[in-house]
Amino acid sequence: MIAAQQLMNLLLPAYDPCKHFAGACANACTWNPDRGLVPCAFGGATGSIQDVKLVIITAEPGDPPDDANYHGTPMDMLLNSLRVFSEAMERGSLNRTGKPSPFHRNMLHILEYFFPGEDLKAKLQQTWTTNAVLCTAKYSGGVHLDRVESTCANTYLVPQLALLKHTFVLVLGNKARDRLVSAGLHYDMVARHPSSRVSYTDKHNSWLSAAELFHRRNPTSQISKSTSADSPERLSKNKITKRSQRHLTLPEGGKDLSDPLLNLSAPIAAFFAHLERHPDYSCKIGRMQWMVYFRGEKVGGFNPRAPHFYLSKVFVHNHGTTSLMEQYAFRHAIHNEKHHYWQAPTQNALEAFKTAVTHMTGIPFLM
């Protein structure tokens, strides 16, 4: 995807290459296009500057992905950098040393809080993501020299924010915050970095708080309405029905969800409708139950006839323990040698199911 032309004009000199590789950043930042060591990790703003409502700033890029390399003219390399960013957002990951990083997956969660229910194209059109320093540190998450921080901020970040002064500025991580403070730049809120090692609850709560502030400052946007409306506790069956039909796409062999949703309680219907917009979870209607999948692996589901939530014995064997199930008050239900599972407690069954699964996968159901 191509970013707004004004932003591209500001960033193009970084690929000339940036003059500061021979100045303030000499022996501190590396220009090596073949290894992906170039200014990078920015993107979005795929419409006009006026479309952008949110700017997200992190400290600096992480290590380059496994397949990173840059060739051609400065414009070729700039466009390649924007492509890498957009494709990572579409996949929800960027592979480093053969493993997907959590950064882009969590960025999708953040964008969902700010622009719930909108497709990724619309979200990226309204969001510009950039860095306080455009080059990677000597090791991922490491430090940059003060002169590098101030030079890069003044050369690239200051003009970007001047161009986007009408937007809400979200800073992710204290390192990025400190760099903006040093540069005398305005921001609206600081939240947890997508790759921080705090609990998922802590991270998501910080992103949700930022989004709520954004909503309050944009009272006429659809976001402020849908944020409260999409809360499972507040969804009515009428609200679920038509909105859900626009998003639900099931694995081959699954039934259409639109009518069955009406037979579920509002919180449970909202939960299953929500899964169909999730990058890691999905669902499928069987003859007797609603099944939940994590990246293609069956997790468990909901039996509407009993009714109860349950976890697959195979999934618990592969990802959990008996003590974990007992911690969340799951009961080992045994019908016969082949048919047994972990049944959620009667009270707060949905929350127990979500919490236990998140504990095992590390991926929350929130988006």
Foldseek 3Di string as FASTA:
>chain_A
DDAAVVLCVLCLCVQQPPPCCVPLCPVWADDDQQQQFGQADKEFLRDHLVLAAEEEEEAEDAGAAPRGHFDDHSVRRVVVRHVLNVVCLVLCFGHHPRDTANQSLVVVLLLCLQVPPDDPNSSSSHYIYHYLQRGAGPHGPDDGDPSRSQVRCVRRVVVVCVSNVNHAYEYADPNRVVSCVVNVHDHHYYAHRSRDPDAPVRRSVRSNVSSQVSCVVVVVDVSVVVNVQLQQVNDDLVNLQPSLQVQDDADPPADRCRVVLSVDGSSVSSLQSLQSVRSFKHWGDDPFFIWIDGNNHTFWGFGVVVTWTWGAPVLCVVFHDPVLLVVLPWDWADPDPVDITTTGDPPPRVVSSQVSVCVRPVDHSRD
